[in-house]
Protein backbone atom coordinates (compact mmCIF):
# COMPACT_ATOMS: atom_id res chain seq x y z
CA MET A 1 23.17 -144.43 -75.90
CA THR A 2 25.68 -145.85 -73.03
CA ASP A 3 24.88 -148.51 -70.10
CA VAL A 4 27.32 -146.51 -66.58
CA ARG A 5 27.97 -148.74 -63.32
CA LEU A 6 30.07 -146.85 -61.45
CA GLU A 7 32.25 -148.53 -58.55
CA ASN A 8 30.38 -147.23 -56.19
CA GLY A 9 27.65 -149.07 -57.57
CA GLN A 10 25.82 -146.71 -59.35
CA ARG A 11 23.79 -147.16 -62.30
CA PHE A 12 22.78 -144.70 -65.07
CA TRP A 13 22.55 -143.95 -69.08
CA PHE A 14 24.74 -141.89 -70.43
CA PHE A 15 25.49 -140.13 -73.77
CA PRO A 16 29.19 -139.27 -74.36
CA THR A 17 30.33 -136.57 -76.16
CA PHE A 18 34.11 -136.36 -75.36
CA VAL A 19 36.23 -139.34 -74.57
CA GLY A 20 40.25 -137.85 -72.97
CA ARG A 21 42.65 -139.69 -72.55
CA ARG A 22 42.04 -139.82 -68.48
CA SER A 23 38.18 -138.59 -68.40
CA VAL A 24 34.61 -139.06 -70.24
CA ALA A 25 31.93 -135.91 -70.50
CA GLY A 26 28.96 -136.41 -72.07
CA PHE A 27 25.21 -136.14 -70.42
CA ARG A 28 23.64 -138.71 -67.65
CA TRP A 29 19.90 -139.15 -67.79
CA ARG A 30 18.85 -138.06 -63.75
CA SER A 31 15.84 -140.14 -63.77
CA ARG A 32 14.03 -138.90 -60.31
CA GLN A 33 14.17 -135.41 -62.50
CA ARG A 34 13.01 -136.62 -65.28
CA ARG A 35 15.83 -134.51 -67.57
CA TRP A 36 19.00 -135.03 -68.58
CA GLU A 37 22.16 -133.53 -67.22
CA TYR A 38 25.48 -132.94 -68.83
CA PHE A 39 28.69 -135.15 -66.21
CA GLY A 40 32.04 -135.74 -66.54
CA ILE A 41 33.85 -138.21 -64.87
CA ASP A 42 37.23 -139.95 -64.09
CA LEU A 43 37.66 -143.62 -66.43
CA ASP A 44 39.06 -144.80 -63.25
CA GLU A 45 35.82 -144.43 -62.49
CA ILE A 46 34.03 -146.64 -64.02
CA ARG A 47 33.24 -149.46 -63.08
CA SER A 48 31.81 -151.66 -66.81
CA PHE A 49 29.85 -150.28 -69.49
CA SER A 50 27.05 -151.36 -72.27
CA CYS A 51 26.55 -149.66 -75.64
CA ARG A 52 23.14 -149.62 -76.97
CA ARG A 53 21.80 -148.56 -80.50
């Protein structure tokens, strides 16, 4: 499980399934909908991340 913070200030839980040279994809937790959603983003948009067990 990964805690991700984007350049725009958004923060969410993320379970990566693919990491490429310029992007990452996986499942993002949507707390308002209370479900996981498949999601992809450019690595340049990520400000920081923290991996958890």
